[in-house]
Amino acid sequence: MENKARVIAGRIRTGKDVKTSSGKSRSGGPEVELTNPDKLLFPAEKITKGEFVSYYEKTAGIMLPHLKGRLISMQRFPEGIAEGHFFQKQAPGYFPEWVNRVPVDLRHEGRKTYITCDNRQTLVYLANLVCIPHVWLSRVDKLNYPDRLIFDLDPPAGSDDFEPVKYAALIFKEVLEELGVKPFLMLTGSRGLHVVVPLDRSADFRHAFDFARDVANVLIGMAPEHLTTELNKTRRGKRVFIDIFRNAFAQTAVAPYSVRARAGAPVAAPALWSEISGRGKIRSTSFNIRNIGKRLAGKGDLWKNIGSSPYSIAELAWALKKKFGSV
């Protein structure tokens, strides 16, 4: 029996017996071949490529709604997390024809052919390439009109203290709620938190960025010793960095439930605001490839309804000015 597996209609099976005479799955979908399943991707945890791919296959039903219709930037770790990575935006020629391709004209880079991840087979195919998907904040039918606004909060340079990040996120929550917003929260699986506002796609990226900048400035005015948008790490000091620069055309953010290339194989996990209130044990890396299933079984997808009540940037900008004046 060959040391490989094939994913058929979203199920991983080993050996040759899964292939039909037509070369298709029994449900008519494409085959996805899993190569080198025993390769160690996370050596300390003994997490193999097979386990990595299996995680994405099992999580596909929850993860795909957050991926569908979004252009993907592929962060790839072909030899494991300790062996370096590269970003790949364009779909290479060897990708199967059933992976959806979208040509996009970029102002300074010309035309690039991106992919979208719209089905289980594509997600598993990318996992077999040891790819961590990063997604655009807009969808392909209105690329210049985001449906997400993200405040990416990172701890001070050289620090893994999560308490200042939690403090910053709770200030964001307070200010956004004063504008009538119910923001969403995600543990990035790396060092920080994402505070996310769903948008109705009525404003382009330029206006979305302007609003994000203005909100950040309001918060910095409230806590200048704790918060900054300073890009130069050495100038940030001990302040939490508010990354508003993801809110621009062609910029990306890690997709919910993606595995991160860090010790322990943590995943980007939507969270409840109550989970970061007080000095609790939760950290950005609290959930990982092996324990996220229990969380999902108990709480489900906390972002399931993130797009059900989107907000207008114009209305939020007006509310911000009315509440806090010119910023």
Protein backbone atom coordinates (compact mmCIF):
# COMPACT_ATOMS: atom_id res chain seq x y z
CA MET A 1 0.00 0.00 0.00
CA GLU A 2 1.30 3.43 -0.88
CA ASN A 3 2.32 5.79 1.94
CA LYS A 4 -0.20 8.43 0.95
CA ALA A 5 -3.84 9.31 1.30
CA ARG A 6 -6.53 10.81 -0.83
CA VAL A 7 -9.28 13.12 0.32
CA ILE A 8 -12.49 12.09 -1.35
CA ALA A 9 -15.57 14.28 -1.00
CA GLY A 10 -13.95 15.84 2.05
CA ARG A 11 -12.90 12.55 3.72
CA ILE A 12 -9.31 11.36 4.19
CA ARG A 13 -8.70 7.72 3.30
CA THR A 14 -5.44 5.83 2.87
CA GLY A 15 -4.33 3.64 0.02
CA LYS A 16 -5.39 3.09 -3.56
CA ASP A 17 -8.85 1.69 -3.00
CA VAL A 18 -10.55 5.09 -2.82
CA LYS A 19 -10.04 6.04 -6.46
CA THR A 20 -12.94 5.43 -8.81
CA SER A 21 -12.56 4.42 -12.43
CA SER A 22 -13.44 7.97 -13.54
CA GLY A 23 -10.75 9.52 -11.36
CA LYS A 24 -13.43 11.42 -9.43
CA SER A 25 -14.86 10.98 -5.99
CA ARG A 26 -17.98 8.95 -5.52
CA SER A 27 -19.92 12.21 -5.17
CA GLY A 28 -18.49 13.59 -8.40
CA GLY A 29 -16.05 15.99 -6.73
CA PRO A 30 -12.30 16.24 -7.32
CA GLU A 31 -9.67 14.13 -5.63
CA VAL A 32 -7.07 15.67 -3.36
CA GLU A 33 -3.93 13.66 -2.77
CA LEU A 34 -2.16 13.91 0.57
CA THR A 35 1.60 13.62 0.17
CA ASN A 36 4.17 12.83 2.88
CA PRO A 37 1.61 12.54 5.70
CA ASP A 38 4.27 11.51 8.22
CA LYS A 39 6.42 14.61 7.76
CA LEU A 40 6.80 16.46 11.08
CA LEU A 41 5.59 20.04 10.79
CA PHE A 42 5.63 20.84 14.52
CA PRO A 43 8.46 18.67 15.85
CA ALA A 44 8.09 19.51 19.56
CA GLU A 45 4.43 18.46 19.54
CA LYS A 46 4.99 15.64 17.02
CA ILE A 47 2.29 17.09 14.79
CA THR A 48 2.58 15.58 11.33
CA LYS A 49 1.41 16.86 8.00
CA GLY A 50 -1.32 14.24 8.10
CA GLU A 51 -2.70 15.66 11.35
CA PHE A 52 -2.40 19.19 9.98
CA VAL A 53 -4.40 18.33 6.85
CA SER A 54 -6.93 16.34 8.86
CA TYR A 55 -7.55 19.38 11.09
CA TYR A 56 -8.49 21.52 8.09
CA GLU A 57 -10.67 18.79 6.62
CA LYS A 58 -12.58 18.42 9.89
CA THR A 59 -12.91 22.18 10.42
CA ALA A 60 -13.89 23.01 6.85
CA GLY A 61 -17.61 23.33 7.53
CA ILE A 62 -17.02 26.08 10.10
CA MET A 63 -14.06 27.71 8.39
CA LEU A 64 -15.30 27.97 4.80
CA PRO A 65 -17.94 30.70 5.38
CA HIS A 66 -15.06 32.96 6.48
CA LEU A 67 -13.08 32.14 3.33
CA LYS A 68 -15.60 31.96 0.50
CA GLY A 69 -15.36 34.73 -2.04
CA ARG A 70 -12.19 36.21 -0.52
CA LEU A 71 -8.86 36.40 -2.27
CA ILE A 72 -6.19 34.35 -0.54
CA SER A 73 -2.58 35.16 0.17
CA MET A 74 -0.84 31.86 0.88
CA GLN A 75 1.73 31.71 3.67
CA ARG A 76 3.54 28.45 3.04
CA PHE A 77 5.78 26.33 5.29
CA PRO A 78 6.64 23.34 3.11
CA GLU A 79 9.28 21.92 5.47
CA GLY A 80 7.62 22.78 8.80
CA ILE A 81 7.47 25.79 11.08
CA ALA A 82 11.16 25.77 11.94
CA GLU A 83 12.34 25.82 8.33
CA GLY A 84 11.17 29.20 7.09
CA HIS A 85 8.25 30.30 4.95
CA PHE A 86 7.27 32.34 1.93
CA PHE A 87 4.16 34.18 0.79
CA GLN A 88 2.55 33.27 -2.50
CA LYS A 89 -0.15 35.47 -3.98
CA GLN A 90 -0.41 34.16 -7.52
CA ALA A 91 -1.85 30.77 -8.38
CA PRO A 92 0.99 28.67 -9.79
CA GLY A 93 0.45 26.79 -13.02
CA TYR A 94 0.40 23.38 -11.32
CA PHE A 95 -2.71 24.15 -9.26
CA PRO A 96 -5.67 21.97 -10.34
CA GLU A 97 -8.15 23.56 -12.72
CA TRP A 98 -10.90 23.23 -10.12
CA VAL A 99 -9.19 25.76 -7.81
CA ASN A 100 -10.97 29.04 -8.50
CA ARG A 101 -8.77 31.76 -9.97
CA VAL A 102 -9.46 35.50 -9.98
CA PRO A 103 -7.34 37.98 -12.02
CA VAL A 104 -6.78 41.24 -10.16
CA ASP A 105 -5.13 44.44 -11.36
CA LEU A 106 -2.83 45.89 -8.71
CA ARG A 107 -1.68 49.45 -9.17
CA HIS A 108 2.04 48.88 -8.65
CA GLU A 109 2.31 45.17 -9.42
CA GLY A 110 0.25 44.71 -12.56
CA ARG A 111 -2.19 41.85 -13.01
CA LYS A 112 -1.98 38.92 -10.61
CA THR A 113 -4.07 35.78 -10.57
CA TYR A 114 -5.25 35.08 -7.04
CA ILE A 115 -7.27 32.14 -5.80
CA THR A 116 -10.31 31.85 -3.60
CA CYS A 117 -11.02 28.98 -1.24
CA ASP A 118 -14.68 28.20 -1.79
CA ASN A 119 -14.94 24.50 -1.01
CA ARG A 120 -13.59 21.71 1.15
CA GLN A 121 -11.37 20.26 -1.56
CA THR A 122 -9.53 23.55 -2.10
CA LEU A 123 -9.01 24.01 1.63
CA VAL A 124 -7.56 20.52 1.95
CA TYR A 125 -5.42 21.02 -1.15
CA LEU A 126 -3.93 24.17 0.39
CA ALA A 127 -3.38 22.35 3.68
CA ASN A 128 -1.42 19.68 1.81
CA LEU A 129 0.86 22.51 0.64
CA VAL A 130 1.23 23.48 4.32
CA CYS A 131 -0.46 26.77 3.60
CA ILE A 132 -1.84 29.18 6.19
CA PRO A 133 -4.55 31.25 4.44
CA HIS A 134 -4.60 35.01 4.86
CA VAL A 135 -7.70 36.67 3.43
CA TRP A 136 -8.64 40.01 1.96
CA LEU A 137 -11.06 42.15 3.94
CA SER A 138 -13.34 42.38 0.92
CA ARG A 139 -15.02 39.87 -1.37
CA VAL A 140 -14.42 39.35 -5.07
CA ASP A 141 -17.70 40.92 -6.24
CA LYS A 142 -16.75 44.29 -4.62
CA LEU A 143 -13.01 44.16 -4.12
CA ASN A 144 -12.58 47.81 -3.19
CA TYR A 145 -15.41 47.76 -0.64
CA PRO A 146 -14.49 45.93 2.58
CA ASP A 147 -16.96 44.01 4.68
CA ARG A 148 -14.57 43.85 7.63
CA LEU A 149 -12.76 46.55 9.61
CA ILE A 150 -9.91 45.18 11.73
CA PHE A 151 -7.99 46.68 14.62
CA ASP A 152 -5.02 44.36 15.08
CA LEU A 153 -3.59 44.77 18.59
CA ASP A 154 -0.06 43.56 19.34
CA PRO A 155 1.89 43.68 22.62
CA PRO A 156 4.95 45.90 22.97
CA ALA A 157 7.99 44.80 21.00
CA GLY A 158 9.89 42.06 22.81
CA SER A 159 7.05 41.36 25.23
CA ASP A 160 4.61 38.46 25.42
CA ASP A 161 2.54 40.09 28.18
CA PHE A 162 -1.05 39.64 27.06
CA GLU A 163 -2.64 41.82 29.75
CA PRO A 164 -1.94 45.16 27.96
CA VAL A 165 -3.47 43.74 24.79
CA LYS A 166 -6.62 42.69 26.62
CA TYR A 167 -6.81 46.13 28.23
CA ALA A 168 -6.52 47.81 24.82
CA ALA A 169 -9.20 45.58 23.30
CA LEU A 170 -11.64 46.40 26.10
CA ILE A 171 -11.09 50.13 25.53
CA PHE A 172 -11.88 49.58 21.85
CA LYS A 173 -15.03 47.71 22.81
CA GLU A 174 -16.16 50.55 25.06
CA VAL A 175 -15.62 53.23 22.41
CA LEU A 176 -17.18 51.21 19.59
CA GLU A 177 -20.21 50.41 21.72
CA GLU A 178 -20.67 54.15 22.31
CA LEU A 179 -20.99 54.39 18.51
CA GLY A 180 -23.67 51.70 18.52
CA VAL A 181 -21.37 48.90 17.37
CA LYS A 182 -21.22 45.37 18.72
CA PRO A 183 -17.63 44.44 17.81
CA PHE A 184 -16.31 40.91 17.39
CA LEU A 185 -13.14 39.53 18.93
CA MET A 186 -10.52 37.01 17.81
CA LEU A 187 -7.45 35.54 19.46
CA THR A 188 -4.94 35.64 16.62
CA GLY A 189 -3.08 32.51 17.69
CA SER A 190 0.10 34.58 17.58
CA ARG A 191 0.68 37.44 20.05
CA GLY A 192 -2.40 39.62 19.92
CA LEU A 193 -6.08 40.20 19.33
CA HIS A 194 -8.27 41.34 16.46
CA VAL A 195 -11.18 43.65 17.19
CA VAL A 196 -13.47 43.39 14.17
CA VAL A 197 -16.40 45.46 12.89
CA PRO A 198 -18.57 43.98 10.10
CA LEU A 199 -19.27 46.49 7.32
CA ASP A 200 -22.09 46.85 4.80
CA ARG A 201 -19.71 47.47 1.86
CA SER A 202 -21.06 50.95 1.20
CA ALA A 203 -17.64 52.58 1.70
CA ASP A 204 -14.37 51.92 -0.09
CA PHE A 205 -11.06 51.08 1.57
CA ARG A 206 -9.96 54.70 1.67
CA HIS A 207 -12.92 55.74 3.80
CA ALA A 208 -12.66 52.60 5.92
CA PHE A 209 -9.01 53.32 6.65
CA ASP A 210 -9.78 56.95 7.52
CA PHE A 211 -12.39 55.81 10.03
CA ALA A 212 -10.03 53.22 11.54
CA ARG A 213 -7.35 55.89 11.91
CA ASP A 214 -9.78 58.30 13.57
CA VAL A 215 -10.97 55.67 16.05
CA ALA A 216 -7.37 54.78 16.87
CA ASN A 217 -6.56 58.44 17.44
CA VAL A 218 -9.47 58.78 19.86
CA LEU A 219 -8.20 55.84 21.87
CA ILE A 220 -4.61 57.04 21.80
CA GLY A 221 -5.87 60.36 23.16
CA MET A 222 -7.49 58.46 26.03
CA ALA A 223 -4.46 56.30 26.84
CA PRO A 224 -1.35 57.76 25.16
CA GLU A 225 0.95 55.91 27.53
CA HIS A 226 -0.58 52.54 26.55
CA LEU A 227 -1.45 52.77 22.83
CA THR A 228 0.25 53.78 19.59
CA THR A 229 0.04 53.45 15.81
CA GLU A 230 3.79 54.02 15.50
CA LEU A 231 5.22 51.74 12.80
CA ASN A 232 8.78 51.98 14.11
CA LYS A 233 9.08 49.29 16.77
CA THR A 234 11.82 51.05 18.70
CA ARG A 235 9.62 54.14 19.07
CA ARG A 236 6.66 52.24 20.46
CA GLY A 237 8.29 51.69 23.82
CA LYS A 238 6.01 49.70 26.10
CA ARG A 239 2.84 50.64 24.26
CA VAL A 240 0.42 48.30 22.51
CA PHE A 241 0.57 48.68 18.74
CA ILE A 242 -2.74 49.37 16.97
CA ASP A 243 -2.30 48.07 13.43
CA ILE A 244 -4.87 49.90 11.32
CA PHE A 245 -2.91 49.38 8.14
CA ARG A 246 -4.61 46.11 7.27
CA ASN A 247 -7.63 48.21 6.29
CA ALA A 248 -6.38 48.89 2.79
CA PHE A 249 -6.82 47.42 -0.67
CA ALA A 250 -4.92 44.14 -1.14
CA GLN A 251 -4.00 43.86 2.56
CA THR A 252 -4.87 40.68 4.41
CA ALA A 253 -5.55 39.19 7.83
CA VAL A 254 -5.20 35.64 9.03
CA ALA A 255 -8.41 33.69 8.50
CA PRO A 256 -10.41 32.48 11.52
CA TYR A 257 -9.44 28.94 12.59
CA SER A 258 -6.16 29.01 10.66
CA VAL A 259 -3.28 27.18 12.30
CA ARG A 260 -0.39 29.49 13.16
CA ALA A 261 3.27 28.63 12.68
CA ARG A 262 4.16 28.83 16.36
CA ALA A 263 5.02 26.32 19.06
CA GLY A 264 1.97 24.34 20.09
CA ALA A 265 0.19 24.75 16.72
CA PRO A 266 -2.21 27.46 18.00
CA VAL A 267 -5.16 28.53 15.89
CA ALA A 268 -6.81 31.89 15.30
CA ALA A 269 -9.94 31.57 17.42
CA PRO A 270 -12.98 33.84 17.74
CA ALA A 271 -13.57 34.63 21.40
CA LEU A 272 -16.13 36.05 23.79
CA TRP A 273 -15.52 39.46 25.34
CA SER A 274 -16.12 37.96 28.75
CA GLU A 275 -13.12 35.70 28.19
CA ILE A 276 -10.68 38.62 28.25
CA SER A 277 -12.30 40.51 31.11
CA GLY A 278 -10.23 40.42 34.29
CA ARG A 279 -6.96 38.62 34.76
CA GLY A 280 -8.00 35.31 33.32
CA LYS A 281 -5.81 32.56 31.91
CA ILE A 282 -6.76 33.05 28.28
CA ARG A 283 -4.00 34.01 25.87
CA SER A 284 -3.76 34.55 22.16
CA THR A 285 -2.43 31.00 21.85
CA SER A 286 -4.91 29.29 24.20
CA PHE A 287 -6.54 27.22 21.47
CA ASN A 288 -4.67 24.88 19.21
CA ILE A 289 -5.03 22.20 16.61
CA ARG A 290 -5.77 19.59 19.28
CA ASN A 291 -8.14 21.40 21.66
CA ILE A 292 -10.14 23.69 19.34
CA GLY A 293 -12.50 20.82 18.49
CA LYS A 294 -13.75 20.64 22.08
CA ARG A 295 -14.31 24.40 22.09
CA LEU A 296 -16.24 24.27 18.81
CA ALA A 297 -18.34 21.38 20.08
CA GLY A 298 -19.28 23.43 23.14
CA LYS A 299 -19.58 26.96 21.77
CA GLY A 300 -19.84 26.54 18.01
CA ASP A 301 -18.57 29.25 15.70
CA LEU A 302 -18.72 32.51 17.66
CA TRP A 303 -18.50 34.39 14.35
CA LYS A 304 -21.35 32.49 12.71
CA ASN A 305 -23.52 35.61 12.52
CA ILE A 306 -20.77 38.19 12.03
CA GLY A 307 -22.25 39.38 8.74
CA SER A 308 -25.89 39.54 9.82
CA SER A 309 -25.86 43.15 11.07
CA PRO A 310 -23.18 45.12 9.21
CA TYR A 311 -22.43 48.79 9.80
CA SER A 312 -22.09 51.80 7.53
CA ILE A 313 -18.76 53.61 7.65
CA ALA A 314 -20.49 56.92 6.87
CA GLU A 315 -22.87 56.49 9.79
CA LEU A 316 -20.09 55.40 12.14
CA ALA A 317 -17.91 58.33 11.12
CA TRP A 318 -20.79 60.72 11.82
CA ALA A 319 -21.39 59.09 15.23
CA LEU A 320 -17.67 59.31 16.05
CA LYS A 321 -17.57 63.02 15.22
CA LYS A 322 -20.74 63.70 17.17
CA LYS A 323 -19.43 61.84 20.23
CA PHE A 324 -15.79 62.87 20.22
CA GLY A 325 -15.57 65.88 17.91
CA SER A 326 -12.96 66.31 15.19
CA VAL A 327 -10.03 63.90 15.44
